[in-house]
Amino acid sequence: MELKKQPETEMEYWETIESLGGFIWRINHELGHGRIDDPTGELSKEVVSAQKISDSLVRELDEKFGVIHPSDVPPVEMGQKPPPAPEGKIYYWNWYQKMKELAYKADYEKMICSACPFSDGLEKMMRLGGVIPCSLWRGMLYRLTQPYECGMVSFDSWTQEAIEKKIKREHGDDALATFKKKKEALTLTK
């Protein structure tokens, strides 16, 4: 395995590390449950390669962005917090969480859900690991087909008029105006 493009920004590093972690977890999970076979060991080699690339990227973070590798965090007693990171530095897992929050916030702001009164908000989306926090949707909704179109319209039997009527009826004219304004802005950026 090799990277097609070397990350440059902190967000690109986070997204690449996150993607590699997802690949590693998914392949190990599928192999562990016997859903895929690896008679030649090629998939296992890809997992090891992905892990090496990920670790290398995590090591590069220190030099480029002051992110302290997990193995370089001072040891502490179980249940104790490490001392504060040196000035201008940040521990890897603190950096990871900060970048995750920034990524989720950027994703959320690019969806109609961010202006919908039936959304349970960004914090819930982060707690749910990226699941869209819609109080109307039955089940888990991970992505919208179009970021400007409500999932109830895209994936359920609702119409745009029906969702707008429900917003107005339950949350008022201001909420509907906010929703429509966001929809228009997102439609213009498509």
Protein backbone atom coordinates (compact mmCIF):
# COMPACT_ATOMS: atom_id res chain seq x y z
CA MET A 1 0.00 0.00 0.00
CA GLU A 2 1.16 3.52 -0.69
CA LEU A 3 -0.34 6.97 -0.41
CA LYS A 4 -1.54 8.58 -3.63
CA LYS A 5 -0.94 12.04 -2.19
CA GLN A 6 1.16 13.10 0.77
CA PRO A 7 -0.98 15.08 3.22
CA GLU A 8 0.04 18.68 3.79
CA THR A 9 -2.44 20.30 6.16
CA GLU A 10 -3.35 19.11 9.63
CA MET A 11 -6.82 18.22 8.36
CA GLU A 12 -5.37 16.21 5.48
CA TYR A 13 -3.18 14.32 7.97
CA TRP A 14 -6.17 13.64 10.22
CA GLU A 15 -8.36 12.50 7.32
CA THR A 16 -5.63 10.20 5.99
CA ILE A 17 -4.89 8.69 9.41
CA GLU A 18 -8.64 8.26 10.00
CA SER A 19 -9.11 6.56 6.61
CA LEU A 20 -6.19 4.22 7.21
CA GLY A 21 -7.56 3.36 10.66
CA GLY A 22 -10.96 2.61 9.13
CA PHE A 23 -9.38 0.36 6.51
CA ILE A 24 -7.32 -1.49 9.14
CA TRP A 25 -10.32 -1.97 11.43
CA ARG A 26 -12.65 -3.08 8.62
CA ILE A 27 -10.26 -5.67 7.14
CA ASN A 28 -9.32 -7.07 10.57
CA HIS A 29 -13.00 -7.22 11.52
CA GLU A 30 -14.03 -9.00 8.31
CA LEU A 31 -11.10 -11.44 8.53
CA GLY A 32 -11.84 -12.10 12.21
CA HIS A 33 -15.46 -12.96 11.45
CA GLY A 34 -14.55 -15.11 8.45
CA ARG A 35 -16.46 -12.91 6.00
CA ILE A 36 -13.43 -12.61 3.75
CA ASP A 37 -10.57 -14.98 3.15
CA ASP A 38 -6.89 -14.19 2.87
CA PRO A 39 -5.30 -17.46 1.72
CA THR A 40 -2.19 -15.76 0.32
CA GLY A 41 -1.83 -13.25 3.16
CA GLU A 42 -2.07 -10.28 0.80
CA LEU A 43 -4.78 -8.54 2.82
CA SER A 44 -2.82 -9.03 6.01
CA LYS A 45 0.22 -7.47 4.30
CA GLU A 46 -1.95 -4.49 3.26
CA VAL A 47 -3.09 -4.06 6.86
CA VAL A 48 0.52 -4.10 8.11
CA SER A 49 1.48 -1.64 5.38
CA ALA A 50 -1.41 0.66 6.24
CA GLN A 51 -0.41 0.56 9.92
CA LYS A 52 3.19 1.48 9.05
CA ILE A 53 2.02 4.38 6.88
CA SER A 54 -0.31 5.58 9.63
CA ASP A 55 2.43 5.42 12.25
CA SER A 56 4.79 7.29 9.93
CA LEU A 57 2.20 10.03 9.43
CA VAL A 58 1.66 10.29 13.19
CA ARG A 59 5.43 10.67 13.64
CA GLU A 60 5.53 13.43 10.99
CA LEU A 61 2.94 15.40 12.95
CA ASP A 62 5.45 16.27 15.67
CA GLU A 63 7.87 17.93 13.28
CA LYS A 64 5.20 19.70 11.24
CA PHE A 65 2.56 20.60 13.81
CA GLY A 66 3.96 19.92 17.29
CA VAL A 67 1.88 16.80 17.91
CA ILE A 68 3.48 14.47 20.44
CA HIS A 69 3.41 10.81 19.36
CA PRO A 70 1.46 8.55 21.79
CA SER A 71 4.60 6.58 22.62
CA ASP A 72 6.33 9.81 23.69
CA VAL A 73 3.70 10.82 26.26
CA PRO A 74 5.24 10.71 29.74
CA PRO A 75 4.14 7.60 31.65
CA VAL A 76 1.67 8.16 34.50
CA GLU A 77 -0.12 6.00 37.03
CA MET A 78 -3.38 4.36 35.92
CA GLY A 79 -6.21 6.89 36.05
CA GLN A 80 -3.84 9.88 36.21
CA LYS A 81 -3.51 12.53 33.52
CA PRO A 82 -0.14 13.27 31.94
CA PRO A 83 1.41 16.65 32.68
CA PRO A 84 0.42 19.46 30.33
CA ALA A 85 2.13 19.26 26.97
CA PRO A 86 5.07 21.63 26.53
CA GLU A 87 4.22 25.06 25.14
CA GLY A 88 3.51 24.91 21.41
CA LYS A 89 2.93 21.14 21.56
CA ILE A 90 -0.15 18.94 21.90
CA TYR A 91 -0.54 15.26 22.77
CA TYR A 92 -1.64 13.09 19.87
CA TRP A 93 -5.03 12.03 21.28
CA ASN A 94 -5.88 15.62 22.22
CA TRP A 95 -4.94 16.68 18.69
CA TYR A 96 -6.94 13.79 17.23
CA GLN A 97 -10.07 14.81 19.16
CA LYS A 98 -9.63 18.47 18.21
CA MET A 99 -9.32 17.58 14.51
CA LYS A 100 -12.27 15.20 14.72
CA GLU A 101 -14.43 17.98 16.14
CA LEU A 102 -13.27 20.38 13.40
CA ALA A 103 -13.98 17.79 10.69
CA TYR A 104 -17.45 16.97 12.03
CA LYS A 105 -18.26 20.66 12.41
CA ALA A 106 -17.22 21.35 8.81
CA ASP A 107 -19.30 18.39 7.58
CA TYR A 108 -22.29 19.43 9.67
CA GLU A 109 -22.19 23.03 8.45
CA LYS A 110 -22.25 21.78 4.85
CA MET A 111 -25.56 19.95 5.42
CA ILE A 112 -29.11 21.23 5.51
CA CYS A 113 -29.35 19.52 8.90
CA SER A 114 -27.33 22.34 10.48
CA ALA A 115 -30.30 24.68 9.90
CA CYS A 116 -33.05 22.20 10.67
CA PRO A 117 -34.91 22.45 13.99
CA PHE A 118 -35.32 18.65 14.00
CA SER A 119 -31.55 18.16 14.18
CA ASP A 120 -30.28 17.30 17.63
CA GLY A 121 -27.08 19.25 16.90
CA LEU A 122 -23.39 18.94 16.24
CA GLU A 123 -22.51 17.64 19.72
CA LYS A 124 -24.84 14.69 19.29
CA MET A 125 -23.41 14.04 15.82
CA MET A 126 -19.94 13.86 17.37
CA ARG A 127 -21.13 11.55 20.16
CA LEU A 128 -22.74 9.31 17.53
CA GLY A 129 -19.53 9.10 15.50
CA GLY A 130 -20.77 11.06 12.51
CA VAL A 131 -24.36 9.82 12.38
CA ILE A 132 -26.70 12.64 11.34
CA PRO A 133 -28.59 13.59 14.52
CA CYS A 134 -32.11 13.80 13.08
CA SER A 135 -34.98 13.41 15.53
CA LEU A 136 -37.38 12.55 12.66
CA TRP A 137 -35.32 9.80 11.05
CA ARG A 138 -35.99 6.26 12.23
CA GLY A 139 -32.61 4.59 12.50
CA MET A 140 -29.15 5.80 11.59
CA LEU A 141 -28.46 8.17 8.71
CA TYR A 142 -24.79 8.55 7.80
CA ARG A 143 -24.80 10.72 4.71
CA LEU A 144 -27.18 12.77 2.64
CA THR A 145 -27.46 12.13 -1.10
CA GLN A 146 -27.33 15.88 -1.61
CA PRO A 147 -26.24 18.11 1.30
CA TYR A 148 -29.05 20.57 0.53
CA GLU A 149 -31.81 17.94 0.60
CA CYS A 150 -33.30 16.62 3.83
CA GLY A 151 -32.83 12.90 4.37
CA MET A 152 -36.57 12.57 4.90
CA VAL A 153 -37.02 13.71 1.29
CA SER A 154 -34.09 11.76 -0.18
CA PHE A 155 -34.60 8.46 1.62
CA ASP A 156 -38.14 8.45 2.99
CA SER A 157 -41.50 9.27 1.44
CA TRP A 158 -41.58 12.92 2.47
CA THR A 159 -41.78 15.83 0.04
CA GLN A 160 -39.96 19.13 0.42
CA GLU A 161 -43.31 20.80 1.03
CA ALA A 162 -44.15 18.32 3.79
CA ILE A 163 -40.91 18.91 5.69
CA GLU A 164 -41.29 22.68 5.34
CA LYS A 165 -44.90 22.51 6.57
CA LYS A 166 -43.82 20.45 9.60
CA ILE A 167 -41.00 22.90 10.40
CA LYS A 168 -43.41 25.85 10.22
CA ARG A 169 -46.13 24.10 12.22
CA GLU A 170 -43.83 22.91 15.02
CA HIS A 171 -41.11 25.58 15.09
CA GLY A 172 -42.51 28.68 13.39
CA ASP A 173 -41.75 31.05 10.54
CA ASP A 174 -38.24 31.97 11.71
CA ALA A 175 -37.12 28.33 11.78
CA LEU A 176 -38.56 27.78 8.32
CA ALA A 177 -36.83 30.92 7.00
CA THR A 178 -33.50 29.72 8.43
CA PHE A 179 -34.00 26.28 6.85
CA LYS A 180 -34.89 27.74 3.43
CA LYS A 181 -31.98 30.19 3.52
CA LYS A 182 -29.53 27.36 4.27
CA LYS A 183 -31.06 25.20 1.53
CA GLU A 184 -30.65 28.03 -0.97
CA ALA A 185 -27.04 28.67 0.06
CA LEU A 186 -26.15 24.99 -0.19
CA THR A 187 -27.92 24.64 -3.54
CA LEU A 188 -25.87 27.52 -4.93
CA THR A 189 -22.60 25.84 -3.89
CA LYS A 190 -23.34 22.48 -5.50
